[in-house]
Amino acid sequence: MKKLIAVCAVLLFVAPAFAADWAFYGSERFQTWWTEKYRGNTPKDGDTTWEMQGNSRIGAKVKADKVTGQFELALRSNPNGDVGANDNVRTRVMFGQWNFSDKGFLKIGKDLSILDFTEVSNQVYGVDNDLTGLVPAGRRTAAITLGLGGLQLSLVQPDSSDPPPGTGTDSVQNDVKIPKIEARYDLPFDMFTFMFGGGWQYLELGTTGQKENINSYILQAGLKANIGAAYVKGAGFYGQNLSNAAWSYGGLGQTDAYGSASYKANGDVEDATSFGGGGEAGLNFTDTIAFAAGGGWRQDKNDAAASETESWYNVYVNMTYKFAPGCKITPEVGYISREDSVTATTTQGHDVYAGLQWRIDF
């Protein structure tokens, strides 16, 4: 942390030399939850979460004529204080952008995927989970992005670090031939904004002398509607081998295995298909109080897996109270269900949670 402060001090000192405007910002987020976990015939298990969220951040936005940029660092905490690997800093955002016209830009660097539609949710449990995985979600990955009006096109660093889950061998290798391709188009009207997106990734998978192709693709659509003080937001998707392209990860109660292609003993690849959706409805009751209710559902199908399908859903209700400028708390209650083997209807349990998120933006 001392090094970070020193770097920020140097940047403040030399900023005038670059003739750029620097705007530093931060967001401290703290979660306090009680979660009851039910797992089949085993006794229920209750846990308290009382910690600084890993997406607490500090960063800066920079503007110099037609060039802009942003960096953002995530700050984590450790229950043992400043000792241990969990007490570290990681990069969330780092990009530069050339705005060559009023409606056109070229951006290079690391930022949230243009296919991330989690903006349709304000679920704060699970480190601002935002229905991740139940609605289209993307990671922060290095990319070259061209924006023209409401259209954005990205050539993205492909996800090729590991073979599909369950292969059990390091002899299976993913070979990258071209970047991952993503596209998004936002179409705004008076009270409505329609969002469309799609992506494709191609990999070669296999052992020496035997190669198979893994084609991952996703199609998605969303809608945001503001009607006075009320709003409705939602998004859905359909895709193939989403986990291989990092379009599916980390949602509450989910596993990536069923959304990933499987490499079988005979050398063939079994594709996985996924679809789902969700959203939120809310009311901005006053300038300081807002209410929201949301939920989502998803199913993955992989014929190579023992149970072939898995599905998940979760629902929540929350209230956001802004008690001072930049300061707010969000109490929330929710239900998270995971159902394994839809054909056999055998449940893997569910979670019930309640608590609140504390947040100060500065």
Protein backbone atom coordinates (compact mmCIF):
# COMPACT_ATOMS: atom_id res chain seq x y z
CA MET A 1 0.00 0.00 0.00
CA LYS A 2 2.90 2.38 0.74
CA LYS A 3 4.18 1.82 -2.80
CA LEU A 4 0.72 2.57 -4.20
CA ILE A 5 0.52 5.85 -2.29
CA ALA A 6 4.01 6.80 -3.51
CA VAL A 7 3.06 6.09 -7.13
CA CYS A 8 -0.12 8.19 -6.80
CA ALA A 9 1.90 11.05 -5.29
CA VAL A 10 4.35 10.98 -8.20
CA LEU A 11 1.48 10.97 -10.70
CA LEU A 12 -0.08 13.99 -9.02
CA PHE A 13 3.26 15.82 -9.16
CA VAL A 14 3.95 15.16 -12.84
CA ALA A 15 0.35 15.45 -14.09
CA PRO A 16 0.67 19.10 -15.19
CA ALA A 17 3.59 18.15 -17.45
CA PHE A 18 1.25 15.92 -19.47
CA ALA A 19 -1.38 18.69 -19.83
CA ALA A 20 -4.01 16.18 -18.73
CA ASP A 21 -6.89 16.36 -16.26
CA TRP A 22 -6.68 13.66 -13.58
CA ALA A 23 -9.76 12.73 -11.54
CA PHE A 24 -9.01 10.22 -8.79
CA TYR A 25 -11.79 8.21 -7.17
CA GLY A 26 -12.37 5.31 -4.81
CA SER A 27 -15.09 3.00 -3.56
CA GLU A 28 -14.97 1.16 -0.24
CA ARG A 29 -17.46 -1.73 -0.02
CA PHE A 30 -18.12 -3.87 3.04
CA GLN A 31 -20.42 -6.89 3.27
CA THR A 32 -22.20 -8.18 6.38
CA TRP A 33 -24.36 -11.26 5.73
CA TRP A 34 -25.90 -14.27 7.41
CA THR A 35 -26.31 -17.28 5.10
CA GLU A 36 -28.13 -20.52 5.86
CA LYS A 37 -26.98 -23.40 3.62
CA TYR A 38 -29.18 -26.45 3.04
CA ARG A 39 -27.57 -29.47 1.34
CA GLY A 40 -29.82 -32.49 0.88
CA ASN A 41 -30.13 -34.59 4.03
CA THR A 42 -27.21 -32.89 5.81
CA PRO A 43 -27.97 -30.43 8.63
CA LYS A 44 -28.22 -26.81 7.66
CA ASP A 45 -25.09 -24.71 8.10
CA GLY A 46 -25.13 -21.02 9.01
CA ASP A 47 -22.26 -18.66 8.26
CA THR A 48 -21.53 -15.01 8.96
CA THR A 49 -19.72 -12.94 6.32
CA TRP A 50 -18.09 -9.80 7.76
CA GLU A 51 -15.41 -8.46 5.44
CA MET A 52 -14.24 -5.83 3.00
CA GLN A 53 -15.29 -6.77 -0.51
CA GLY A 54 -12.63 -7.71 -3.03
CA ASN A 55 -14.08 -5.23 -5.53
CA SER A 56 -13.31 -2.22 -3.33
CA ARG A 57 -11.24 0.01 -5.56
CA ILE A 58 -9.17 3.08 -6.20
CA GLY A 59 -8.49 4.56 -9.61
CA ALA A 60 -8.36 7.60 -11.84
CA LYS A 61 -9.88 8.88 -15.06
CA VAL A 62 -7.61 10.95 -17.31
CA LYS A 63 -8.50 13.34 -20.13
CA ALA A 64 -6.12 15.08 -22.52
CA ASP A 65 -7.84 16.60 -25.57
CA LYS A 66 -9.13 13.64 -27.64
CA VAL A 67 -7.32 11.03 -25.59
CA THR A 68 -8.80 9.59 -22.41
CA GLY A 69 -7.79 6.78 -20.13
CA GLN A 70 -8.60 5.01 -16.91
CA PHE A 71 -6.93 2.75 -14.40
CA GLU A 72 -8.56 0.99 -11.48
CA LEU A 73 -7.03 -1.22 -8.78
CA ALA A 74 -8.97 -3.68 -6.66
CA LEU A 75 -8.09 -3.71 -2.96
CA ARG A 76 -8.54 -6.82 -0.85
CA SER A 77 -8.40 -7.49 2.89
CA ASN A 78 -7.19 -10.40 4.98
CA PRO A 79 -8.61 -11.51 8.34
CA ASN A 80 -4.99 -11.79 9.54
CA GLY A 81 -4.32 -8.13 8.80
CA ASP A 82 -1.61 -7.34 6.25
CA VAL A 83 -0.14 -10.85 6.34
CA GLY A 84 -0.88 -13.39 3.63
CA ALA A 85 -1.44 -13.73 -0.09
CA ASN A 86 -5.05 -12.56 0.10
CA ASP A 87 -3.98 -9.07 1.16
CA ASN A 88 -2.97 -7.77 -2.24
CA VAL A 89 -3.78 -5.41 -5.10
CA ARG A 90 -4.87 -6.43 -8.58
CA THR A 91 -5.70 -4.55 -11.78
CA ARG A 92 -9.38 -4.20 -12.62
CA VAL A 93 -9.12 -1.65 -15.44
CA MET A 94 -6.25 -0.23 -17.50
CA PHE A 95 -6.93 1.30 -20.91
CA GLY A 96 -6.33 4.24 -23.19
CA GLN A 97 -8.91 5.61 -25.62
CA TRP A 98 -8.70 7.85 -28.68
CA ASN A 99 -11.99 9.68 -29.37
CA PHE A 100 -11.58 10.42 -33.06
CA SER A 101 -15.10 11.86 -33.39
CA ASP A 102 -18.16 12.69 -31.30
CA LYS A 103 -19.50 9.16 -31.81
CA GLY A 104 -16.36 7.19 -32.56
CA PHE A 105 -13.51 5.85 -30.44
CA LEU A 106 -10.65 3.36 -30.43
CA LYS A 107 -9.85 1.75 -27.08
CA ILE A 108 -6.96 -0.55 -26.20
CA GLY A 109 -6.31 -2.27 -22.90
CA LYS A 110 -8.18 -4.05 -20.14
CA ASP A 111 -11.80 -3.24 -19.40
CA LEU A 112 -15.10 -5.01 -18.76
CA SER A 113 -16.26 -7.03 -21.77
CA ILE A 114 -18.78 -5.25 -23.98
CA LEU A 115 -20.94 -8.40 -23.67
CA ASP A 116 -21.45 -7.89 -19.94
CA PHE A 117 -25.16 -7.21 -19.38
CA THR A 118 -25.13 -7.45 -15.57
CA GLU A 119 -26.12 -3.77 -15.57
CA VAL A 120 -29.71 -5.09 -15.54
CA SER A 121 -29.30 -6.12 -11.88
CA ASN A 122 -28.31 -4.50 -8.60
CA GLN A 123 -27.92 -7.68 -6.54
CA VAL A 124 -25.28 -6.77 -3.94
CA TYR A 125 -24.88 -10.15 -2.21
CA GLY A 126 -21.89 -12.22 -3.33
CA VAL A 127 -19.61 -9.20 -3.86
CA ASP A 128 -22.09 -7.36 -6.10
CA ASN A 129 -23.08 -10.56 -7.89
CA ASP A 130 -25.60 -8.77 -10.16
CA LEU A 131 -27.10 -12.12 -11.30
CA THR A 132 -23.75 -13.05 -12.83
CA GLY A 133 -24.10 -16.08 -15.10
CA LEU A 134 -27.89 -16.01 -15.05
CA VAL A 135 -27.77 -12.94 -17.27
CA PRO A 136 -24.91 -12.43 -19.78
CA ALA A 137 -21.69 -11.72 -17.89
CA GLY A 138 -18.18 -10.95 -19.13
CA ARG A 139 -14.76 -10.60 -17.58
CA ARG A 140 -12.28 -7.76 -17.64
CA THR A 141 -9.96 -8.82 -20.44
CA ALA A 142 -7.43 -7.16 -22.73
CA ALA A 143 -9.00 -6.10 -26.03
CA ILE A 144 -8.94 -3.70 -28.96
CA THR A 145 -12.38 -2.08 -29.25
CA LEU A 146 -13.80 0.15 -31.97
CA GLY A 147 -16.93 2.16 -31.19
CA LEU A 148 -19.14 3.79 -33.83
CA GLY A 149 -22.31 5.29 -32.40
CA GLY A 150 -24.22 2.53 -30.64
CA LEU A 151 -22.09 -0.21 -32.22
CA GLN A 152 -19.01 -1.66 -30.56
CA LEU A 153 -16.65 -4.30 -32.00
CA SER A 154 -13.92 -5.97 -29.94
CA LEU A 155 -10.99 -8.25 -30.72
CA VAL A 156 -10.40 -9.87 -27.34
CA GLN A 157 -7.65 -11.91 -25.76
CA PRO A 158 -8.99 -15.48 -26.03
CA ASP A 159 -9.46 -17.77 -23.06
CA SER A 160 -7.09 -20.67 -23.76
CA SER A 161 -5.13 -21.25 -20.57
CA ASP A 162 -6.58 -24.63 -19.66
CA PRO A 163 -8.23 -27.63 -21.31
CA PRO A 164 -11.94 -28.10 -20.61
CA PRO A 165 -12.79 -29.16 -17.04
CA GLY A 166 -12.73 -32.89 -16.47
CA THR A 167 -10.16 -33.82 -19.13
CA GLY A 168 -7.75 -34.92 -16.43
CA THR A 169 -4.62 -34.65 -18.55
CA ASP A 170 -2.06 -32.00 -19.39
CA SER A 171 -1.53 -33.57 -22.82
CA VAL A 172 -4.71 -31.87 -24.04
CA GLN A 173 -3.79 -28.42 -25.32
CA ASN A 174 -5.81 -25.47 -26.56
CA ASP A 175 -4.24 -23.77 -29.60
CA VAL A 176 -5.23 -20.19 -30.41
CA LYS A 177 -5.56 -19.24 -34.06
CA ILE A 178 -7.50 -15.95 -33.97
CA PRO A 179 -8.67 -13.50 -31.27
CA LYS A 180 -12.06 -13.83 -29.63
CA ILE A 181 -14.62 -11.62 -31.42
CA GLU A 182 -17.36 -9.69 -29.62
CA ALA A 183 -19.97 -7.20 -30.85
CA ARG A 184 -22.64 -5.11 -29.16
CA TYR A 185 -25.28 -2.65 -30.33
CA ASP A 186 -27.32 -0.36 -28.06
CA LEU A 187 -30.46 1.20 -29.50
CA PRO A 188 -31.94 3.96 -27.28
CA PHE A 189 -35.43 5.42 -27.52
CA ASP A 190 -37.29 7.84 -25.23
CA MET A 191 -37.94 5.53 -22.30
CA PHE A 192 -36.37 2.35 -23.62
CA THR A 193 -32.93 1.06 -24.51
CA PHE A 194 -32.56 -2.19 -26.44
CA MET A 195 -29.26 -4.06 -26.21
CA PHE A 196 -28.00 -6.76 -28.55
CA GLY A 197 -24.76 -8.71 -28.39
CA GLY A 198 -22.92 -11.68 -29.76
CA GLY A 199 -19.52 -13.30 -29.74
CA TRP A 200 -17.46 -16.14 -31.23
CA GLN A 201 -14.27 -17.90 -30.25
CA TYR A 202 -12.43 -20.65 -32.13
CA LEU A 203 -9.85 -22.98 -30.61
CA GLU A 204 -8.12 -26.17 -31.67
CA LEU A 205 -8.03 -28.83 -28.99
CA GLY A 206 -6.29 -32.18 -28.79
CA THR A 207 -3.09 -34.15 -28.45
CA THR A 208 -0.21 -34.23 -30.90
CA GLY A 209 -1.39 -35.41 -34.29
CA GLN A 210 -5.07 -35.34 -33.36
CA LYS A 211 -6.94 -32.07 -33.30
CA GLU A 212 -10.58 -31.16 -32.77
CA ASN A 213 -12.24 -27.75 -32.98
CA ILE A 214 -14.02 -25.96 -30.17
CA ASN A 215 -16.43 -23.30 -31.40
CA SER A 216 -17.88 -21.08 -28.70
CA TYR A 217 -20.62 -18.59 -29.47
CA ILE A 218 -23.18 -16.50 -27.60
CA LEU A 219 -26.26 -14.53 -28.67
CA GLN A 220 -27.89 -12.15 -26.20
CA ALA A 221 -30.47 -9.39 -25.91
CA GLY A 222 -31.56 -6.99 -23.21
CA LEU A 223 -33.96 -4.18 -22.43
CA LYS A 224 -33.94 -1.24 -20.02
CA ALA A 225 -37.14 0.76 -19.51
CA ASN A 226 -37.58 3.85 -17.32
CA ILE A 227 -41.18 4.81 -16.61
CA GLY A 228 -41.19 7.80 -14.31
CA ALA A 229 -39.73 6.75 -10.98
CA ALA A 230 -40.08 3.05 -11.86
CA TYR A 231 -37.85 0.92 -14.07
CA VAL A 232 -37.63 -2.57 -15.54
CA LYS A 233 -34.42 -4.19 -16.81
CA GLY A 234 -33.74 -7.64 -18.18
CA ALA A 235 -31.47 -9.72 -20.42
CA GLY A 236 -31.23 -13.26 -21.79
CA PHE A 237 -28.78 -15.40 -23.75
CA TYR A 238 -28.24 -18.63 -25.67
CA GLY A 239 -24.84 -20.08 -26.44
CA GLN A 240 -22.46 -22.97 -26.90
CA ASN A 241 -19.32 -23.81 -24.91
CA LEU A 242 -19.58 -20.56 -22.97
CA SER A 243 -17.08 -21.52 -20.27
CA ASN A 244 -14.36 -22.12 -22.86
CA ALA A 245 -14.68 -18.47 -23.90
CA ALA A 246 -15.01 -16.99 -20.38
CA TRP A 247 -18.61 -15.92 -21.01
CA SER A 248 -19.80 -18.00 -18.06
CA TYR A 249 -18.27 -17.98 -14.62
CA GLY A 250 -18.58 -17.36 -10.94
CA GLY A 251 -22.33 -17.10 -10.48
CA LEU A 252 -23.92 -18.03 -7.17
CA GLY A 253 -24.48 -21.79 -6.95
CA GLN A 254 -23.06 -22.43 -10.41
CA THR A 255 -20.31 -24.59 -11.83
CA ASP A 256 -18.48 -24.02 -15.11
CA ALA A 257 -18.17 -27.72 -15.91
CA TYR A 258 -21.56 -28.10 -17.56
CA GLY A 259 -21.04 -25.03 -19.73
CA SER A 260 -17.76 -26.31 -21.16
CA ALA A 261 -16.99 -28.63 -24.07
CA SER A 262 -15.84 -32.12 -23.06
CA TYR A 263 -12.88 -33.93 -24.58
CA LYS A 264 -13.86 -37.60 -24.79
CA ALA A 265 -11.64 -40.68 -24.76
CA ASN A 266 -12.13 -41.33 -28.49
CA GLY A 267 -10.79 -37.87 -29.29
CA ASP A 268 -14.16 -36.27 -30.09
CA VAL A 269 -15.45 -33.06 -28.53
CA GLU A 270 -18.91 -32.93 -26.98
CA ASP A 271 -20.37 -29.42 -27.14
CA ALA A 272 -22.30 -27.88 -24.26
CA THR A 273 -25.29 -25.57 -24.72
CA SER A 274 -26.53 -22.96 -22.25
CA PHE A 275 -29.45 -20.54 -22.04
CA GLY A 276 -30.99 -18.32 -19.41
CA GLY A 277 -32.02 -14.86 -18.40
CA GLY A 278 -33.16 -12.56 -15.64
CA GLY A 279 -33.62 -8.99 -14.57
CA GLU A 280 -34.95 -6.54 -12.05
CA ALA A 281 -37.85 -4.19 -11.43
CA GLY A 282 -37.49 -1.24 -9.12
CA LEU A 283 -38.79 2.05 -7.84
CA ASN A 284 -36.77 5.16 -7.01
CA PHE A 285 -39.08 6.15 -4.17
CA THR A 286 -37.16 9.32 -3.29
CA ASP A 287 -33.72 10.75 -4.01
CA THR A 288 -32.41 8.74 -1.05
CA ILE A 289 -34.47 5.52 -1.05
CA ALA A 290 -34.92 2.94 -3.81
CA PHE A 291 -36.52 -0.52 -3.84
CA ALA A 292 -35.71 -3.41 -6.18
CA ALA A 293 -36.69 -7.04 -6.76
CA GLY A 294 -35.02 -9.36 -9.22
CA GLY A 295 -34.11 -12.87 -10.19
CA GLY A 296 -32.78 -15.11 -12.91
CA TRP A 297 -32.61 -18.71 -14.17
CA ARG A 298 -30.19 -20.71 -16.28
CA GLN A 299 -29.72 -24.21 -17.68
CA ASP A 300 -26.60 -25.92 -19.06
CA LYS A 301 -26.70 -29.15 -21.07
CA ASN A 302 -23.72 -31.41 -21.69
CA ASP A 303 -24.43 -34.91 -23.00
CA ALA A 304 -21.00 -36.13 -21.90
CA ALA A 305 -21.78 -35.42 -18.25
CA ALA A 306 -23.36 -38.04 -16.03
CA SER A 307 -26.58 -36.11 -15.39
CA GLU A 308 -26.55 -34.21 -18.72
CA THR A 309 -28.13 -31.00 -17.41
CA GLU A 310 -27.80 -28.55 -14.54
CA SER A 311 -29.93 -25.54 -13.76
CA TRP A 312 -29.81 -22.71 -11.22
CA TYR A 313 -31.93 -19.79 -10.16
CA ASN A 314 -31.91 -17.10 -7.52
CA VAL A 315 -34.21 -14.29 -6.43
CA TYR A 316 -33.71 -11.27 -4.19
CA VAL A 317 -35.30 -8.11 -2.78
CA ASN A 318 -33.34 -5.10 -1.58
CA MET A 319 -33.55 -1.45 -0.60
CA THR A 320 -30.85 1.19 -1.13
CA TYR A 321 -30.67 4.04 1.37
CA LYS A 322 -28.34 6.97 0.65
CA PHE A 323 -27.78 8.48 4.09
CA ALA A 324 -25.13 11.04 3.01
CA PRO A 325 -23.42 12.15 -0.24
CA GLY A 326 -21.45 9.16 -1.55
CA CYS A 327 -22.64 6.96 1.35
CA LYS A 328 -25.27 4.23 1.20
CA ILE A 329 -26.35 0.91 2.63
CA THR A 330 -28.28 -1.81 0.82
CA PRO A 331 -30.16 -4.36 2.95
CA GLU A 332 -31.02 -7.47 0.90
CA VAL A 333 -32.64 -10.88 1.34
CA GLY A 334 -32.44 -13.66 -1.21
CA TYR A 335 -32.76 -17.32 -2.16
CA ILE A 336 -30.22 -19.28 -4.22
CA SER A 337 -31.11 -22.70 -5.61
CA ARG A 338 -29.02 -25.19 -7.52
CA GLU A 339 -30.69 -28.15 -9.19
CA ASP A 340 -28.57 -30.96 -10.63
CA SER A 341 -29.92 -33.44 -13.19
CA VAL A 342 -33.15 -31.88 -14.37
CA THR A 343 -34.35 -35.22 -15.78
CA ALA A 344 -33.94 -36.91 -12.39
CA THR A 345 -35.06 -33.84 -10.41
CA THR A 346 -32.45 -34.40 -7.70
CA THR A 347 -31.75 -31.23 -5.81
CA GLN A 348 -28.29 -30.21 -4.58
CA GLY A 349 -29.61 -27.79 -2.01
CA HIS A 350 -30.17 -24.07 -1.62
CA ASP A 351 -29.03 -21.00 0.32
CA VAL A 352 -31.08 -18.36 2.11
CA TYR A 353 -29.33 -15.10 3.01
CA ALA A 354 -30.01 -11.76 4.65
CA GLY A 355 -27.85 -8.77 5.54
CA LEU A 356 -26.58 -5.61 3.98
CA GLN A 357 -23.79 -4.02 2.00
CA TRP A 358 -22.09 -0.85 3.23
CA ARG A 359 -20.59 1.44 0.61
CA ILE A 360 -18.80 4.80 0.56
CA ASP A 361 -17.72 6.29 -2.77
CA PHE A 362 -15.14 9.07 -2.69
